[in-house]
């Protein structure tokens, strides 16, 4: 899996997560003013691996 940062249609930064087959499986739910902030969003997602799953 890998993450990618990119600018959207209005020039704001987003991130996307791709699976091993290179298919997109998640995108950021918000936009960011700069690439560094999008990368911080990626870091937050990565750190959430121990978050509980609630039904």
Protein backbone atom coordinates (compact mmCIF):
# COMPACT_ATOMS: atom_id res chain seq x y z
CA UNK A 1 0.00 0.00 0.00
CA UNK A 2 1.07 3.57 -0.49
CA UNK A 3 -0.16 7.13 0.02
CA UNK A 4 -0.11 9.88 -2.57
CA UNK A 5 -0.56 13.63 -2.05
CA UNK A 6 -2.05 15.72 -4.84
CA UNK A 7 -3.77 19.02 -5.58
CA UNK A 8 -7.50 18.85 -6.27
CA UNK A 9 -9.54 20.87 -8.78
CA UNK A 10 -9.53 23.99 -6.60
CA UNK A 11 -5.81 23.85 -5.84
CA UNK A 12 -6.04 22.42 -2.33
CA UNK A 13 -3.95 19.45 -1.15
CA UNK A 14 -5.44 16.02 -0.47
CA UNK A 15 -4.10 12.53 0.13
CA UNK A 16 -5.19 9.17 -1.22
CA UNK A 17 -4.39 5.64 -0.07
CA UNK A 18 -3.81 2.95 -2.70
CA UNK A 19 -3.83 -0.81 -2.19
CA UNK A 20 -1.24 -3.31 -3.38
CA UNK A 21 -3.12 -3.51 -6.69
CA UNK A 22 -2.79 0.29 -7.13
CA UNK A 23 -6.53 0.81 -6.71
CA UNK A 24 -7.59 3.78 -4.60
CA UNK A 25 -9.13 2.64 -1.32
CA UNK A 26 -9.37 5.88 0.70
CA UNK A 27 -9.14 9.64 0.28
CA UNK A 28 -8.80 12.49 2.72
CA UNK A 29 -12.12 13.78 3.97
CA UNK A 30 -10.79 17.30 4.07
CA UNK A 31 -8.51 19.52 2.03
CA UNK A 32 -5.28 21.13 3.18
CA UNK A 33 -3.66 24.48 2.41
CA UNK A 34 -0.22 22.99 1.82
CA UNK A 35 1.41 19.64 1.15
CA UNK A 36 3.01 19.46 4.60
CA UNK A 37 -0.44 19.58 6.21
CA UNK A 38 -1.65 16.77 3.93
CA UNK A 39 1.38 14.73 4.97
CA UNK A 40 0.51 15.39 8.62
CA UNK A 41 -2.97 14.01 7.86
CA UNK A 42 -1.32 10.87 6.52
CA UNK A 43 0.71 10.59 9.74
CA UNK A 44 -2.51 10.80 11.77
CA UNK A 45 -4.10 8.00 9.75
CA UNK A 46 -1.02 5.83 10.17
CA UNK A 47 -1.03 6.37 13.94
CA UNK A 48 -4.68 5.29 14.22
CA UNK A 49 -3.94 1.58 13.77
CA UNK A 50 -4.89 0.91 17.39
CA UNK A 51 -8.16 2.86 17.27
CA UNK A 52 -11.17 0.78 18.29
CA UNK A 53 -13.76 -0.27 15.72
CA UNK A 54 -17.28 0.69 16.78
CA UNK A 55 -20.46 -0.67 15.26
